[in-house]
């Protein structure tokens, strides 16, 4: 079942009752000028088990401890936003799998050659998806990316990922010839940042559900980063976010401000259509297959990570 992504961008009171998330909107419920039937619609309930990601994007949101505990018990990723209304924090459960201790050990004890092979697979999948996006959506040749994909060695010792990134970003937005990819750079970087934050939460949630440590990466190793493994595994999924942003650029004239409508479009990322293991699948389901296959690689049951590609 596809889990729901819930976004709260207005004042709200979130509580728990009978394993249901109870959402109260004070702006509607406390208004004296509205009829009772409309006030009643200000209270909604959602089964906790149906939720996958929750995004809190307003200073006047109150959430009870009971809700937080219930969300974490059901492996829900809880995202908080900063004053700029951009994702800034991610809360995940400490335990999401009944064989977690054994899987932690297998992950930590994974040999360096295995991790290098897994990183090679990851970068090849990422570059292949970048190439497909350029060919299918931008209608530009991607022979350079196809060549780089074929040349990725164990551990990506020749840094094909960085070489591919230079070519990819130079060609991804033909109408922005001087585009620079960066957290603080010009639009559509704001859309990319928001979309990647949602993707990161989806991947981190799936890693926990698969009994893996998001903090212990196969390539990324930043002592200040609690989600190194999520940053590793999300790499081949990034082009799907890029495709969503390209579609949004054709829809909106002004990208300087990330509007509620834009965020609503980006919240569809978990249900984007991808292909994995020769079957079409929503992105969120595909991510779960990817993390499950990664756990099998660490356990010696498999040799390849299942990564998605464009349908």
Protein backbone atom coordinates (compact mmCIF):
# COMPACT_ATOMS: atom_id res chain seq x y z
CA UNK A 1 0.00 0.00 0.00
CA UNK A 2 1.23 3.49 -0.86
CA UNK A 3 1.61 5.54 2.30
CA UNK A 4 0.25 9.08 2.37
CA UNK A 5 2.41 12.20 2.48
CA UNK A 6 0.75 14.84 4.67
CA UNK A 7 1.68 18.53 4.44
CA UNK A 8 0.62 21.10 7.04
CA UNK A 9 1.26 24.69 5.99
CA UNK A 10 -1.31 26.46 8.18
CA UNK A 11 -2.01 26.59 11.94
CA UNK A 12 -3.14 23.16 13.10
CA UNK A 13 -3.54 21.07 16.23
CA UNK A 14 -2.53 17.44 15.78
CA UNK A 15 -3.65 14.90 18.37
CA UNK A 16 -4.29 11.16 18.62
CA UNK A 17 -7.52 9.24 19.18
CA UNK A 18 -8.18 5.54 18.55
CA UNK A 19 -4.99 5.16 16.49
CA UNK A 20 -6.17 8.00 14.27
CA UNK A 21 -4.40 11.28 13.62
CA UNK A 22 -6.91 13.99 14.53
CA UNK A 23 -6.35 17.26 12.65
CA UNK A 24 -8.02 20.40 13.94
CA UNK A 25 -7.76 23.65 11.98
CA UNK A 26 -8.28 26.51 14.50
CA UNK A 27 -8.63 29.16 11.81
CA UNK A 28 -11.85 27.47 10.71
CA UNK A 29 -13.11 25.80 13.85
CA UNK A 30 -12.84 28.93 16.03
CA UNK A 31 -14.37 31.37 13.55
CA UNK A 32 -17.64 32.95 14.74
CA UNK A 33 -18.75 33.87 11.23
CA UNK A 34 -18.91 30.38 9.76
CA UNK A 35 -21.85 27.95 10.01
CA UNK A 36 -21.49 24.85 12.19
CA UNK A 37 -21.38 22.48 9.24
CA UNK A 38 -18.24 24.18 7.94
CA UNK A 39 -16.71 24.26 11.43
CA UNK A 40 -17.21 20.51 11.70
CA UNK A 41 -15.23 20.05 8.49
CA UNK A 42 -12.25 21.64 10.28
CA UNK A 43 -11.74 18.36 12.13
CA UNK A 44 -10.40 15.43 10.13
CA UNK A 45 -9.09 12.00 11.08
CA UNK A 46 -6.51 9.87 9.25
CA UNK A 47 -5.43 6.34 10.23
CA UNK A 48 -1.84 6.44 11.46
CA UNK A 49 -1.07 3.21 9.58
CA UNK A 50 -1.86 4.95 6.28
CA UNK A 51 0.79 7.68 6.75
CA UNK A 52 4.35 7.56 5.41
CA UNK A 53 5.62 11.14 5.62
CA UNK A 54 4.43 14.20 7.60
CA UNK A 55 5.71 17.71 6.84
CA UNK A 56 5.22 20.48 9.43
CA UNK A 57 5.59 23.87 7.74
CA UNK A 58 4.10 26.50 10.06
CA UNK A 59 5.14 28.02 13.39
CA UNK A 60 1.62 27.65 14.83
CA UNK A 61 1.37 23.89 14.57
CA UNK A 62 0.88 22.01 17.83
CA UNK A 63 1.59 18.27 17.85
CA UNK A 64 1.14 16.04 20.90
CA UNK A 65 3.69 13.56 22.19
CA UNK A 66 1.15 10.80 21.63
CA UNK A 67 1.05 11.63 17.92
CA UNK A 68 4.84 11.70 17.62
CA UNK A 69 5.13 8.32 19.37
CA UNK A 70 2.41 6.78 17.20
CA UNK A 71 4.00 8.10 14.01
CA UNK A 72 7.41 6.73 14.95
CA UNK A 73 5.92 3.37 15.98
CA UNK A 74 4.61 3.14 12.43
CA UNK A 75 7.93 4.16 10.81
CA UNK A 76 6.65 7.55 9.66
CA UNK A 77 9.20 10.18 8.61
CA UNK A 78 8.43 13.48 10.38
CA UNK A 79 9.89 16.57 8.66
CA UNK A 80 10.06 20.06 10.20
CA UNK A 81 10.67 23.27 8.26
CA UNK A 82 12.63 26.42 9.15
CA UNK A 83 11.75 30.13 8.96
CA UNK A 84 12.27 30.03 5.20
CA UNK A 85 9.72 27.21 5.04
CA UNK A 86 12.33 24.76 3.77
CA UNK A 87 12.82 21.27 5.29
CA UNK A 88 15.38 21.46 8.06
CA UNK A 89 14.84 18.44 10.34
CA UNK A 90 13.94 14.76 10.00
CA UNK A 91 12.71 12.53 12.83
CA UNK A 92 12.75 8.74 12.44
CA UNK A 93 12.18 5.77 14.76
CA UNK A 94 15.13 4.12 16.51
CA UNK A 95 13.83 0.69 15.58
CA UNK A 96 11.94 -0.35 12.47
CA UNK A 97 12.72 -4.03 11.95
CA UNK A 98 12.53 -7.08 14.21
CA UNK A 99 15.99 -8.33 13.15
CA UNK A 100 17.53 -4.90 13.41
CA UNK A 101 20.46 -5.77 15.69
CA UNK A 102 21.69 -8.49 13.32
CA UNK A 103 21.28 -6.25 10.29
CA UNK A 104 23.13 -3.40 12.01
CA UNK A 105 26.03 -5.77 12.63
CA UNK A 106 26.09 -7.03 9.04
CA UNK A 107 26.00 -3.46 7.73
CA UNK A 108 28.81 -2.25 10.01
CA UNK A 109 30.97 -5.28 9.28
CA UNK A 110 30.52 -5.05 5.50
CA UNK A 111 33.89 -5.37 3.76
CA UNK A 112 35.45 -2.47 1.89
CA UNK A 113 35.36 -4.36 -1.46
CA UNK A 114 31.61 -4.93 -1.00
CA UNK A 115 30.96 -1.28 -0.24
CA UNK A 116 33.02 -0.23 -3.26
CA UNK A 117 31.00 -2.58 -5.49
CA UNK A 118 27.73 -1.24 -4.10
CA UNK A 119 28.88 2.32 -4.73
CA UNK A 120 29.84 1.39 -8.29
CA UNK A 121 26.31 0.05 -8.88
CA UNK A 122 24.82 3.18 -7.33
CA UNK A 123 26.76 5.61 -9.51
CA UNK A 124 26.13 3.60 -12.70
CA UNK A 125 22.38 3.65 -11.97
CA UNK A 126 22.47 7.38 -11.26
CA UNK A 127 24.34 8.27 -14.46
CA UNK A 128 22.13 5.97 -16.55
CA UNK A 129 19.02 7.72 -15.21
CA UNK A 130 20.57 11.12 -15.85
CA UNK A 131 21.29 10.07 -19.43
CA UNK A 132 17.76 8.77 -19.98
CA UNK A 133 16.26 11.99 -18.65
CA UNK A 134 18.35 14.11 -21.04
CA UNK A 135 17.43 11.88 -23.97
CA UNK A 136 13.71 11.43 -23.30
CA UNK A 137 12.71 14.77 -21.80
CA UNK A 138 15.29 17.33 -22.94
CA UNK A 139 15.84 15.54 -26.28
CA UNK A 140 19.59 15.94 -26.10
CA UNK A 141 22.18 13.30 -26.85
CA UNK A 142 23.78 11.77 -23.80
CA UNK A 143 26.66 9.77 -25.29
CA UNK A 144 29.04 11.37 -22.79
CA UNK A 145 26.96 10.10 -19.89
CA UNK A 146 26.56 6.64 -21.41
CA UNK A 147 30.34 6.44 -21.82
CA UNK A 148 30.94 7.57 -18.23
CA UNK A 149 28.44 5.00 -16.97
CA UNK A 150 30.33 2.22 -18.74
CA UNK A 151 33.61 3.44 -17.22
CA UNK A 152 32.55 3.51 -13.56
CA UNK A 153 34.97 1.35 -11.60
CA UNK A 154 34.64 -0.22 -8.18
CA UNK A 155 34.39 2.64 -5.70
CA UNK A 156 34.17 5.11 -8.62
CA UNK A 157 37.89 5.76 -8.27
CA UNK A 158 37.94 7.91 -11.42
CA UNK A 159 35.12 10.08 -10.03
CA UNK A 160 32.81 9.52 -13.00
CA UNK A 161 29.95 10.84 -10.87
CA UNK A 162 31.48 14.33 -10.75
CA UNK A 163 32.34 14.29 -14.46
CA UNK A 164 28.77 13.28 -15.28
CA UNK A 165 27.37 16.01 -13.03
CA UNK A 166 29.23 18.73 -14.96
CA UNK A 167 27.76 17.56 -18.27
CA UNK A 168 24.33 16.85 -16.81
CA UNK A 169 23.71 20.22 -15.15
CA UNK A 170 25.10 22.06 -18.17
CA UNK A 171 22.44 20.44 -20.37
CA UNK A 172 19.46 19.83 -18.09
CA UNK A 173 17.97 23.35 -18.33
CA UNK A 174 18.54 24.59 -21.91
CA UNK A 175 16.76 27.89 -21.16
CA UNK A 176 19.19 28.60 -18.30
CA UNK A 177 22.62 28.38 -19.99
CA UNK A 178 24.55 29.52 -16.91
CA UNK A 179 22.71 27.31 -14.42
CA UNK A 180 24.68 26.45 -11.28
CA UNK A 181 23.51 23.68 -8.97
CA UNK A 182 23.71 24.68 -5.30
CA UNK A 183 21.72 25.09 -2.10
CA UNK A 184 21.76 28.89 -2.23
CA UNK A 185 21.83 29.39 -5.99
CA UNK A 186 19.09 30.78 -8.22
CA UNK A 187 15.83 28.96 -9.12
CA UNK A 188 14.99 26.24 -9.86
CA UNK A 189 17.45 25.26 -7.11
CA UNK A 190 14.75 26.02 -4.53
CA UNK A 191 12.48 23.43 -6.15
CA UNK A 192 15.30 20.90 -6.37
CA UNK A 193 16.23 21.45 -2.71
CA UNK A 194 12.66 20.88 -1.54
CA UNK A 195 12.18 17.85 -3.76
CA UNK A 196 15.42 16.25 -2.65
CA UNK A 197 14.47 16.80 1.01
CA UNK A 198 11.25 14.86 0.46
CA UNK A 199 13.13 12.11 -1.38
CA UNK A 200 15.70 11.91 1.42
CA UNK A 201 12.95 11.43 3.98
CA UNK A 202 11.33 8.66 1.92
CA UNK A 203 14.68 6.86 1.56
CA UNK A 204 15.63 7.27 5.23
CA UNK A 205 12.24 5.91 6.29
CA UNK A 206 12.66 2.85 4.05
CA UNK A 207 16.18 2.20 5.37
CA UNK A 208 14.90 2.12 8.95
CA UNK A 209 12.06 -0.18 7.93
CA UNK A 210 14.64 -2.50 6.35
CA UNK A 211 16.60 -2.63 9.60
CA UNK A 212 19.53 -0.52 8.42
CA UNK A 213 21.42 2.39 9.99
CA UNK A 214 20.80 5.58 7.94
CA UNK A 215 23.84 7.19 9.59
CA UNK A 216 26.33 4.57 8.36
CA UNK A 217 26.94 5.14 4.67
CA UNK A 218 28.69 3.12 1.99
CA UNK A 219 30.32 6.26 0.55
CA UNK A 220 29.20 9.40 2.39
CA UNK A 221 30.99 9.70 5.73
CA UNK A 222 30.31 13.09 7.33
CA UNK A 223 30.37 13.01 11.12
CA UNK A 224 27.78 15.79 11.17
CA UNK A 225 25.39 13.95 8.85
CA UNK A 226 22.89 11.56 10.46
CA UNK A 227 21.68 10.23 7.09
CA UNK A 228 24.80 9.28 5.15
CA UNK A 229 23.31 6.02 3.87
CA UNK A 230 20.13 7.80 2.78
CA UNK A 231 22.28 10.25 0.81
CA UNK A 232 24.01 7.28 -0.84
CA UNK A 233 20.90 5.34 -1.79
CA UNK A 234 18.88 8.31 -3.01
CA UNK A 235 21.42 9.15 -5.75
CA UNK A 236 19.81 7.09 -8.58
CA UNK A 237 16.41 8.52 -7.57
CA UNK A 238 17.44 12.16 -7.94
CA UNK A 239 16.73 12.31 -11.72
CA UNK A 240 13.07 11.52 -11.00
CA UNK A 241 12.91 14.65 -8.84
CA UNK A 242 14.68 16.57 -11.61
CA UNK A 243 12.02 15.43 -14.07
CA UNK A 244 9.27 16.65 -11.74
CA UNK A 245 10.98 20.04 -11.48
CA UNK A 246 11.28 20.31 -15.27
CA UNK A 247 7.52 19.71 -15.56
CA UNK A 248 6.89 22.40 -12.96
CA UNK A 249 9.05 24.90 -14.84
CA UNK A 250 6.69 24.56 -17.80
CA UNK A 251 3.72 25.10 -15.50
CA UNK A 252 4.80 28.13 -13.45
CA UNK A 253 6.08 31.47 -14.78
CA UNK A 254 7.66 32.68 -11.54
CA UNK A 255 9.90 30.27 -9.62
CA UNK A 256 11.47 32.81 -7.29
CA UNK A 257 9.08 31.95 -4.45
CA UNK A 258 8.21 28.38 -3.50
CA UNK A 259 4.43 28.64 -3.30
CA UNK A 260 1.94 26.29 -1.66
CA UNK A 261 0.90 25.10 -5.11
CA UNK A 262 4.49 24.24 -5.98
CA UNK A 263 4.95 22.36 -2.74
CA UNK A 264 1.76 20.45 -3.45
CA UNK A 265 3.24 19.34 -6.78
CA UNK A 266 6.51 18.31 -5.12
CA UNK A 267 4.61 16.29 -2.53
CA UNK A 268 3.68 13.95 -5.38
CA UNK A 269 7.28 12.71 -5.53
CA UNK A 270 6.56 9.58 -3.43
CA UNK A 271 3.96 8.45 -5.99
CA UNK A 272 5.95 9.19 -9.14
CA UNK A 273 5.88 6.35 -11.63
CA UNK A 274 9.19 4.47 -11.91
CA UNK A 275 10.24 1.06 -13.16
CA UNK A 276 12.14 -1.42 -11.01
CA UNK A 277 12.78 -5.14 -11.56
CA UNK A 278 10.91 -4.83 -14.90
CA UNK A 279 7.72 -3.64 -13.20
CA UNK A 280 6.12 -0.23 -12.86
CA UNK A 281 5.89 1.01 -9.31
CA UNK A 282 5.26 4.17 -7.27
CA UNK A 283 8.58 5.65 -6.17
CA UNK A 284 7.92 5.05 -2.46
CA UNK A 285 7.34 1.32 -3.07
CA UNK A 286 10.42 1.14 -5.29
CA UNK A 287 12.55 2.71 -2.55
CA UNK A 288 11.43 -0.04 -0.16
CA UNK A 289 12.53 -2.66 -2.71
CA UNK A 290 15.88 -0.89 -3.04
CA UNK A 291 16.56 -0.81 0.70
CA UNK A 292 15.41 -4.42 1.13
CA UNK A 293 17.83 -5.51 -1.59
CA UNK A 294 20.61 -3.51 0.08
CA UNK A 295 20.00 -5.36 3.35
CA UNK A 296 20.31 -8.63 1.43
CA UNK A 297 23.62 -7.48 -0.03
CA UNK A 298 24.98 -6.77 3.44
CA UNK A 299 23.72 -10.18 4.60
CA UNK A 300 25.35 -12.03 1.69
CA UNK A 301 22.01 -13.07 0.16
CA UNK A 302 22.37 -10.89 -2.95
CA UNK A 303 25.09 -9.13 -4.95
CA UNK A 304 23.16 -6.30 -6.56
CA UNK A 305 21.01 -3.43 -5.31
CA UNK A 306 17.64 -3.10 -7.05
CA UNK A 307 17.58 0.44 -8.44
CA UNK A 308 14.86 2.15 -10.51
CA UNK A 309 14.94 3.42 -14.06
CA UNK A 310 12.60 5.46 -16.22
CA UNK A 311 9.58 3.61 -17.63
